[in-house]
Amino acid sequence: MEAVLITIGDEILSGNTVDTNSTYIAAQLKNIGIPVRQIFTISDDVETIKTTLKSAFEIGNLVITTGGLGPTRDDKTKMAFADFFEDELKLDEETFEHLRKLMVKRKREHLLEINKNQAVILSKAFIFQNENGTAPCQMIEENGKIAICLPGVPYEVKPLIQNKIIPYLKEQFSLNFIATRIISVVNFPESLLALTIENWELELPENITLSYLPIGNRVKLRLTGVGDDLKVVENQLDDEIEKLRPIIEEKVISWNGNEIQEILKEILIEKKLTISTAESCTGGELARLITSVSGSSKYFQGGIIPYDYHQKIKILGVSAETISAKTVVSQEVAEEMSLGCQKLFGTDISLSTTGVSGPNSDKFNNEIGVIFYSIRVGDFEQSNRLFLPHLERNDFANFVSQRILQDLVEILVKENS
């Protein structure tokens, strides 16, 4: 089975809304052995939807659409599906009753008539009721192919996929298992890394593929194995990693970690270390990354965003004289911030950032894109300067935060070597 995803909505094409549904659905399908061959993003237009459905079924035998469903009578997605499958639309009493109960639960009975059209479905469709919204998920199976029509709101899509669609697909079809391992390599240019491991890569079994995923100065090597016996595939991956280990061991910070914050979590819990953050130009992104991992409360004590330099002085004890002499964007201020943060929260580790993310300079006329950060682990301190003048503010904060966590992981890993 191979899948194609179709995102329907003018708001996606206009750039006003980011399509997170496709990323989530593709990941969930991959976990049960269904690869996604292509993703379409299209306008909310009947003919466009029909044309894209035709193209999608020429590529794969499972097509999942998101978006384009509404409470009005001219719901274009349902109209397009009805035309494409030569079907008719009808009011489904079971879906309408589900809708009525949902409205009562939300104390919105007065909206029932307006939303009644949500209970109009394709006569051939199997319905997965939506517990978090008014538009049901409809599925049509025809000539060995499956079309699944989902609403577009992510908090409705995720439970439908996780709790209903994925279990259904697993139960109905014999699917291959997919297993992955991710090796995080640092300070190793991608081209040189590829050359170094070329012979090992060429000898990989046919059912195992390798992908290079660069993130800053870190490269994630993703090994993906496919097979009908999960244990066999996992053993294959482990064997290949053992062959790779002596070739690049000195440059690896994790042999099976995905995101840097997940790698950090394992290390902090293992070492029983606590951490805190003091952020200026990253605006809380460091703390967000650290706390995005379940269980982070075991080691993350807190964070502070002393954006104005007066707050750096007041809360963290940064010296006014240092700021006057070096400006607020300096190595010295970053180091005093991390020390103040470590004392404020009483943590083993503290991280600090100060810089100018742009698009305008600060009151000290520091160069846009310059940043200093400090990492304190006990009495050890490491501070660095980066210059990233071309990154947009959000990308700037994320890149810097990823880099800082990576540097911290490297420091902690080296302690054991």
Protein backbone atom coordinates (compact mmCIF):
# COMPACT_ATOMS: atom_id res chain seq x y z
CA MET A 1 0.00 0.00 0.00
CA GLU A 2 1.22 3.47 -0.94
CA ALA A 3 -0.37 6.75 0.10
CA VAL A 4 -0.92 10.19 -1.38
CA LEU A 5 -1.99 13.14 0.74
CA ILE A 6 -4.07 16.07 -0.49
CA THR A 7 -4.36 19.28 1.50
CA ILE A 8 -7.35 21.35 0.41
CA GLY A 9 -7.63 25.02 1.25
CA ASP A 10 -6.93 28.47 -0.14
CA GLU A 11 -5.59 29.52 3.27
CA ILE A 12 -2.71 27.04 2.86
CA LEU A 13 -1.87 28.29 -0.62
CA SER A 14 -1.96 31.92 0.52
CA GLY A 15 0.63 31.23 3.21
CA ASN A 16 -1.71 32.33 6.00
CA THR A 17 -1.88 28.81 7.47
CA VAL A 18 0.87 26.23 7.81
CA ASP A 19 0.03 22.66 6.79
CA THR A 20 0.93 20.58 9.84
CA ASN A 21 -1.58 17.84 9.00
CA SER A 22 0.47 16.31 6.19
CA THR A 23 3.57 16.03 8.35
CA TYR A 24 1.63 14.33 11.11
CA ILE A 25 -0.28 11.94 8.84
CA ALA A 26 2.85 10.96 6.89
CA ALA A 27 4.67 10.13 10.11
CA GLN A 28 1.79 8.02 11.41
CA LEU A 29 1.50 6.12 8.14
CA LYS A 30 5.24 5.50 8.05
CA ASN A 31 5.03 3.93 11.49
CA ILE A 32 2.71 1.21 10.17
CA GLY A 33 4.61 0.61 6.96
CA ILE A 34 2.72 2.81 4.51
CA PRO A 35 4.98 5.20 2.58
CA VAL A 36 3.67 8.54 1.35
CA ARG A 37 4.60 8.98 -2.31
CA GLN A 38 3.36 12.51 -2.87
CA ILE A 39 1.65 15.43 -1.15
CA PHE A 40 -0.59 17.85 -3.06
CA THR A 41 -1.75 21.24 -1.82
CA ILE A 42 -4.70 22.55 -3.82
CA SER A 43 -7.41 25.20 -3.85
CA ASP A 44 -10.95 24.65 -2.64
CA ASP A 45 -12.37 24.11 -6.12
CA VAL A 46 -14.50 21.19 -7.32
CA GLU A 47 -12.71 20.59 -10.62
CA THR A 48 -9.28 20.96 -9.03
CA ILE A 49 -10.18 18.44 -6.33
CA LYS A 50 -11.48 15.94 -8.90
CA THR A 51 -8.41 16.32 -11.12
CA THR A 52 -6.09 15.88 -8.16
CA LEU A 53 -7.95 12.78 -6.94
CA LYS A 54 -7.43 11.25 -10.39
CA SER A 55 -3.71 12.04 -10.31
CA ALA A 56 -3.38 10.78 -6.75
CA PHE A 57 -4.91 7.39 -7.54
CA GLU A 58 -2.48 7.00 -10.44
CA ILE A 59 0.34 7.23 -7.85
CA GLY A 60 -1.02 5.34 -4.84
CA ASN A 61 -3.93 3.23 -3.67
CA LEU A 62 -4.62 5.17 -0.45
CA VAL A 63 -5.58 8.83 -0.76
CA ILE A 64 -6.18 10.97 2.33
CA THR A 65 -7.55 14.50 2.02
CA THR A 66 -7.69 17.16 4.72
CA GLY A 67 -9.63 20.41 4.70
CA GLY A 68 -12.33 21.90 2.54
CA LEU A 69 -15.22 20.58 4.62
CA GLY A 70 -17.77 23.12 5.82
CA PRO A 71 -21.32 23.43 7.14
CA THR A 72 -22.68 25.13 4.00
CA ARG A 73 -24.70 23.41 1.28
CA ASP A 74 -22.05 24.12 -1.33
CA ASP A 75 -19.36 22.10 0.43
CA LYS A 76 -16.98 21.72 -2.52
CA THR A 77 -14.99 18.77 -1.18
CA LYS A 78 -18.05 16.58 -0.72
CA MET A 79 -19.40 17.70 -4.08
CA ALA A 80 -16.11 16.80 -5.74
CA PHE A 81 -16.01 13.38 -4.04
CA ALA A 82 -19.61 12.72 -5.09
CA ASP A 83 -18.81 13.56 -8.71
CA PHE A 84 -15.55 11.62 -8.74
CA PHE A 85 -17.06 8.43 -7.28
CA GLU A 86 -20.36 8.86 -9.14
CA ASP A 87 -22.14 8.93 -5.80
CA GLU A 88 -24.91 10.94 -4.23
CA LEU A 89 -25.10 12.89 -1.01
CA LYS A 90 -27.65 12.04 1.65
CA LEU A 91 -28.51 13.05 5.20
CA ASP A 92 -27.21 10.38 7.57
CA GLU A 93 -29.37 10.07 10.68
CA GLU A 94 -26.65 8.45 12.79
CA THR A 95 -24.22 11.25 11.99
CA PHE A 96 -26.92 13.86 12.59
CA GLU A 97 -27.65 12.36 16.02
CA HIS A 98 -23.94 12.41 16.82
CA LEU A 99 -23.89 16.05 15.76
CA ARG A 100 -26.93 16.85 17.91
CA LYS A 101 -25.33 15.31 21.01
CA LEU A 102 -22.13 17.23 20.33
CA MET A 103 -24.05 20.51 20.12
CA VAL A 104 -25.92 19.76 23.34
CA LYS A 105 -22.67 18.92 25.09
CA ARG A 106 -21.20 22.23 23.94
CA LYS A 107 -24.43 24.10 24.78
CA ARG A 108 -24.78 25.22 21.17
CA GLU A 109 -28.11 23.68 20.23
CA HIS A 110 -29.03 26.89 18.40
CA LEU A 111 -26.30 26.11 15.84
CA LEU A 112 -27.62 22.65 15.01
CA GLU A 113 -29.66 23.73 11.98
CA ILE A 114 -26.74 25.74 10.58
CA ASN A 115 -24.42 22.74 10.93
CA LYS A 116 -26.97 20.18 9.76
CA ASN A 117 -25.24 19.91 6.39
CA GLN A 118 -22.25 18.34 8.19
CA ALA A 119 -24.41 15.23 8.55
CA VAL A 120 -24.82 15.02 4.76
CA ILE A 121 -22.51 12.27 3.59
CA LEU A 122 -21.65 10.20 0.53
CA SER A 123 -24.03 7.26 0.29
CA LYS A 124 -21.13 4.84 -0.33
CA ALA A 125 -19.04 6.13 2.57
CA PHE A 126 -18.08 4.46 5.80
CA ILE A 127 -18.15 7.06 8.57
CA PHE A 128 -15.65 7.63 11.36
CA GLN A 129 -17.44 9.97 13.74
CA ASN A 130 -15.51 13.06 14.79
CA GLU A 131 -15.50 13.45 18.58
CA ASN A 132 -13.83 16.86 18.44
CA GLY A 133 -15.69 18.64 15.66
CA THR A 134 -18.77 18.74 13.48
CA ALA A 135 -17.43 17.29 10.22
CA PRO A 136 -17.20 13.47 10.17
CA CYS A 137 -14.43 11.54 8.47
CA GLN A 138 -15.69 9.71 5.37
CA MET A 139 -14.05 6.73 3.70
CA ILE A 140 -14.81 5.14 0.34
CA GLU A 141 -13.31 1.83 -0.79
CA GLU A 142 -13.62 1.07 -4.49
CA ASN A 143 -11.72 -1.24 -6.84
CA GLY A 144 -9.01 -1.93 -4.28
CA LYS A 145 -8.43 1.74 -3.60
CA ILE A 146 -9.30 3.82 -0.54
CA ALA A 147 -10.16 7.50 -0.24
CA ILE A 148 -10.38 9.05 3.22
CA CYS A 149 -11.80 12.56 3.57
CA LEU A 150 -10.86 14.36 6.79
CA PRO A 151 -11.63 17.82 8.18
CA GLY A 152 -8.77 20.31 8.22
CA VAL A 153 -8.50 21.40 11.85
CA PRO A 154 -5.37 19.75 13.30
CA TYR A 155 -6.88 19.02 16.73
CA GLU A 156 -9.65 17.11 14.90
CA VAL A 157 -7.32 15.39 12.42
CA LYS A 158 -4.87 13.99 14.95
CA PRO A 159 -7.32 11.95 17.08
CA LEU A 160 -9.14 10.72 13.99
CA ILE A 161 -5.88 9.48 12.48
CA GLN A 162 -4.44 8.09 15.70
CA ASN A 163 -7.55 6.53 17.22
CA LYS A 164 -9.56 5.48 14.18
CA ILE A 165 -7.81 5.53 10.80
CA ILE A 166 -4.50 3.93 11.81
CA PRO A 167 -6.16 1.11 13.84
CA TYR A 168 -8.50 0.44 10.91
CA LEU A 169 -5.67 0.22 8.37
CA LYS A 170 -3.62 -2.04 10.65
CA GLU A 171 -6.57 -4.36 11.17
CA GLN A 172 -7.63 -4.58 7.53
CA PHE A 173 -4.31 -4.93 5.73
CA SER A 174 -1.14 -6.96 6.06
CA LEU A 175 1.44 -4.22 6.34
CA ASN A 176 5.20 -4.34 6.54
CA PHE A 177 6.83 -3.08 9.67
CA ILE A 178 9.09 -0.04 9.50
CA ALA A 179 11.83 0.57 12.06
CA THR A 180 14.23 3.49 12.23
CA ARG A 181 17.44 4.43 14.00
CA ILE A 182 18.80 7.96 14.05
CA ILE A 183 22.48 8.64 14.65
CA SER A 184 23.40 12.24 15.45
CA VAL A 185 26.82 13.27 14.12
CA VAL A 186 28.39 16.64 14.95
CA ASN A 187 31.21 18.73 13.50
CA PHE A 188 31.43 16.52 10.42
CA PRO A 189 30.59 18.20 7.06
CA GLU A 190 27.92 16.23 5.22
CA SER A 191 30.01 15.68 2.09
CA LEU A 192 32.98 14.43 4.10
CA LEU A 193 30.72 12.25 6.24
CA ALA A 194 29.20 10.68 3.12
CA LEU A 195 32.66 9.94 1.75
CA THR A 196 33.82 8.46 5.07
CA ILE A 197 30.93 6.00 5.35
CA GLU A 198 30.52 5.32 1.61
CA ASN A 199 31.70 1.70 1.70
CA TRP A 200 29.50 0.92 4.70
CA GLU A 201 26.50 2.53 3.00
CA LEU A 202 27.01 0.59 -0.24
CA GLU A 203 26.92 -2.70 1.68
CA LEU A 204 23.58 -2.02 3.44
CA PRO A 205 20.93 -4.72 2.89
CA GLU A 206 18.33 -3.95 0.22
CA ASN A 207 15.58 -3.44 2.79
CA ILE A 208 17.54 -0.74 4.66
CA THR A 209 17.90 2.82 3.39
CA LEU A 210 19.97 5.74 4.66
CA SER A 211 19.02 9.43 4.71
CA TYR A 212 21.16 12.46 5.56
CA LEU A 213 19.33 15.17 7.52
CA PRO A 214 21.57 18.20 8.20
CA ILE A 215 20.62 20.57 11.05
CA GLY A 216 23.15 23.35 11.53
CA ASN A 217 26.50 21.65 12.13
CA ARG A 218 24.78 18.41 13.12
CA VAL A 219 23.86 15.67 10.65
CA LYS A 220 21.22 13.10 11.50
CA LEU A 221 21.78 9.76 9.79
CA ARG A 222 18.41 8.04 9.56
CA LEU A 223 18.48 4.29 8.96
CA THR A 224 15.11 2.90 7.87
CA GLY A 225 14.42 -0.83 7.69
CA VAL A 226 11.34 -2.48 6.19
CA GLY A 227 10.15 -6.06 6.64
CA ASP A 228 7.35 -8.38 7.68
CA ASP A 229 9.06 -9.30 10.97
CA LEU A 230 9.73 -6.30 13.21
CA LYS A 231 12.27 -8.09 15.41
CA VAL A 232 14.32 -9.19 12.41
CA VAL A 233 14.35 -5.63 11.03
CA GLU A 234 15.38 -4.15 14.38
CA ASN A 235 18.20 -6.69 14.70
CA GLN A 236 19.39 -5.78 11.20
CA LEU A 237 19.53 -2.10 12.13
CA ASP A 238 21.43 -2.84 15.32
CA ASP A 239 23.94 -4.93 13.36
CA GLU A 240 24.52 -2.14 10.84
CA ILE A 241 25.03 0.41 13.59
CA GLU A 242 27.66 -1.79 15.19
CA LYS A 243 29.49 -1.91 11.84
CA LEU A 244 29.29 1.89 11.60
CA ARG A 245 30.37 2.59 15.18
CA PRO A 246 34.17 2.31 14.78
CA ILE A 247 34.11 4.46 11.64
CA ILE A 248 32.54 7.63 13.12
CA GLU A 249 32.29 7.01 16.88
CA GLU A 250 34.28 10.11 17.87
CA LYS A 251 31.79 12.39 16.10
CA VAL A 252 28.56 10.84 17.42
CA ILE A 253 26.55 12.36 20.27
CA SER A 254 23.67 9.87 20.06
CA TRP A 255 23.24 6.44 18.47
CA ASN A 256 19.48 6.43 18.58
CA GLY A 257 18.16 9.91 19.28
CA ASN A 258 15.97 12.06 17.10
CA GLU A 259 15.59 15.62 18.32
CA ILE A 260 18.38 17.28 20.28
CA GLN A 261 16.05 17.92 23.23
CA GLU A 262 15.29 14.19 23.42
CA ILE A 263 19.00 13.37 23.43
CA LEU A 264 19.52 15.95 26.17
CA LYS A 265 16.70 14.46 28.23
CA GLU A 266 18.34 11.03 28.34
CA ILE A 267 21.66 12.51 29.44
CA LEU A 268 20.22 14.81 32.10
CA ILE A 269 18.11 12.05 33.64
CA GLU A 270 21.01 9.59 33.55
CA LYS A 271 23.36 12.10 35.21
CA LYS A 272 20.63 13.46 37.54
CA LEU A 273 21.32 17.04 36.50
CA THR A 274 19.00 20.07 36.58
CA ILE A 275 18.91 22.94 34.10
CA SER A 276 17.60 26.51 33.80
CA THR A 277 17.60 29.22 31.11
CA ALA A 278 18.02 32.98 30.88
CA GLU A 279 17.08 34.16 27.41
CA SER A 280 17.08 37.51 25.72
CA CYS A 281 17.20 37.31 21.91
CA THR A 282 15.84 33.74 21.79
CA GLY A 283 12.71 34.84 23.64
CA GLY A 284 11.99 31.56 25.41
CA GLU A 285 12.75 29.20 22.52
CA LEU A 286 15.39 27.37 24.56
CA ALA A 287 12.90 26.73 27.35
CA ARG A 288 10.25 25.71 24.82
CA LEU A 289 12.54 23.13 23.22
CA ILE A 290 13.60 21.70 26.57
CA THR A 291 10.02 21.44 27.88
CA SER A 292 8.63 20.06 24.60
CA VAL A 293 9.78 16.63 25.79
CA SER A 294 7.55 14.64 28.12
CA GLY A 295 9.18 14.25 31.53
CA SER A 296 11.20 17.46 31.33
CA SER A 297 9.88 18.52 34.74
CA LYS A 298 12.39 16.06 36.22
CA TYR A 299 15.28 18.32 35.24
CA PHE A 300 14.03 21.71 34.02
CA GLN A 301 13.69 24.07 36.97
CA GLY A 302 12.61 27.20 35.15
CA GLY A 303 13.46 29.95 32.73
CA ILE A 304 13.46 33.72 32.56
CA ILE A 305 13.32 36.21 29.66
CA PRO A 306 14.99 39.41 30.89
CA TYR A 307 14.53 41.13 27.53
CA ASP A 308 15.25 44.65 28.73
CA TYR A 309 18.79 45.16 29.95
CA HIS A 310 17.54 46.70 33.20
CA GLN A 311 15.96 43.32 34.04
CA LYS A 312 19.27 41.58 33.40
CA ILE A 313 20.74 43.84 36.07
CA LYS A 314 17.77 43.61 38.45
CA ILE A 315 16.97 39.90 38.27
CA LEU A 316 20.22 38.22 37.24
CA GLY A 317 22.71 40.55 38.87
CA VAL A 318 24.45 41.50 35.63
CA SER A 319 26.82 44.38 36.27
CA ALA A 320 25.75 47.78 34.95
CA GLU A 321 29.43 48.55 34.51
CA THR A 322 29.86 45.51 32.29
CA ILE A 323 26.94 46.60 30.09
CA SER A 324 28.30 50.14 29.92
CA ALA A 325 31.77 48.95 28.95
CA LYS A 326 30.91 46.00 26.69
CA THR A 327 27.24 46.67 25.73
CA VAL A 328 24.45 44.26 26.54
CA VAL A 329 25.35 42.05 23.56
CA SER A 330 28.69 40.70 24.66
CA GLN A 331 30.41 37.58 25.92
CA GLU A 332 30.83 39.14 29.35
CA VAL A 333 27.10 39.83 29.73
CA ALA A 334 26.17 36.33 28.50
CA GLU A 335 28.50 34.83 31.11
CA GLU A 336 27.12 37.01 33.93
CA MET A 337 23.59 36.06 32.84
CA SER A 338 24.29 32.32 33.02
CA LEU A 339 25.94 32.69 36.41
CA GLY A 340 22.99 34.72 37.71
CA CYS A 341 20.55 32.18 36.27
CA GLN A 342 22.38 29.28 37.90
CA LYS A 343 22.19 31.05 41.26
CA LEU A 344 18.57 32.15 40.78
CA PHE A 345 17.25 28.64 40.07
CA GLY A 346 19.88 26.63 41.93
CA THR A 347 20.57 24.35 38.98
CA ASP A 348 23.56 22.29 37.91
CA ILE A 349 23.36 23.75 34.40
CA SER A 350 22.33 27.17 33.13
CA LEU A 351 22.09 28.56 29.60
CA SER A 352 21.96 32.20 28.55
CA THR A 353 21.54 34.17 25.32
CA THR A 354 21.97 37.81 24.38
CA GLY A 355 21.96 39.19 20.86
CA VAL A 356 20.17 41.10 18.10
CA SER A 357 17.72 39.02 16.08
CA GLY A 358 16.60 41.96 13.88
CA PRO A 359 15.24 43.32 11.69
CA ASN A 360 16.30 46.44 13.66
CA SER A 361 19.39 46.99 15.77
CA ASP A 362 19.26 47.55 19.53
CA LYS A 363 19.78 50.79 21.45
CA PHE A 364 23.50 50.00 21.66
CA ASN A 365 23.72 49.78 17.83
CA ASN A 366 25.00 46.20 17.92
CA GLU A 367 25.15 44.42 14.58
CA ILE A 368 21.99 42.58 13.51
CA GLY A 369 22.47 38.83 13.68
CA VAL A 370 25.17 38.75 16.35
CA ILE A 371 24.60 36.61 19.42
CA PHE A 372 26.60 35.50 22.44
CA TYR A 373 25.59 32.54 24.54
CA SER A 374 26.95 30.93 27.67
CA ILE A 375 26.70 27.38 28.96
CA ARG A 376 27.50 26.71 32.63
CA VAL A 377 27.84 23.16 33.94
CA GLY A 378 28.77 23.39 37.59
CA ASP A 379 31.82 25.65 37.68
CA PHE A 380 32.69 24.95 34.04
CA GLU A 381 31.73 27.63 31.52
CA GLN A 382 31.77 27.76 27.74
CA SER A 383 30.71 30.84 25.82
CA ASN A 384 30.46 31.37 22.06
CA ARG A 385 29.62 33.99 19.46
CA LEU A 386 27.48 33.42 16.38
CA PHE A 387 26.72 35.75 13.51
CA LEU A 388 23.48 34.99 11.64
CA PRO A 389 22.46 38.18 9.80
CA HIS A 390 20.23 36.56 7.19
CA LEU A 391 17.87 34.56 9.41
CA GLU A 392 14.31 35.70 10.09
CA ARG A 393 13.53 36.20 13.80
CA ASN A 394 11.80 32.85 14.43
CA ASP A 395 14.41 30.92 12.44
CA PHE A 396 17.13 32.82 14.30
CA ALA A 397 15.76 31.84 17.71
CA ASN A 398 15.28 28.20 16.71
CA PHE A 399 18.70 27.81 15.07
CA VAL A 400 20.51 29.36 18.04
CA SER A 401 18.57 27.29 20.56
CA GLN A 402 19.23 24.06 18.66
CA ARG A 403 22.93 24.94 18.50
CA ILE A 404 23.15 25.69 22.22
CA LEU A 405 21.50 22.40 23.19
CA GLN A 406 23.82 20.58 20.82
CA ASP A 407 26.87 22.24 22.38
CA LEU A 408 25.58 21.30 25.83
CA VAL A 409 25.12 17.67 24.78
CA GLU A 410 28.68 17.61 23.40
CA ILE A 411 30.02 18.96 26.71
CA LEU A 412 28.11 16.36 28.73
CA VAL A 413 29.10 13.51 26.40
CA LYS A 414 32.78 14.46 26.59
CA GLU A 415 32.65 14.23 30.38
CA ASN A 416 32.20 10.48 30.00
CA SER A 417 34.89 10.00 27.36
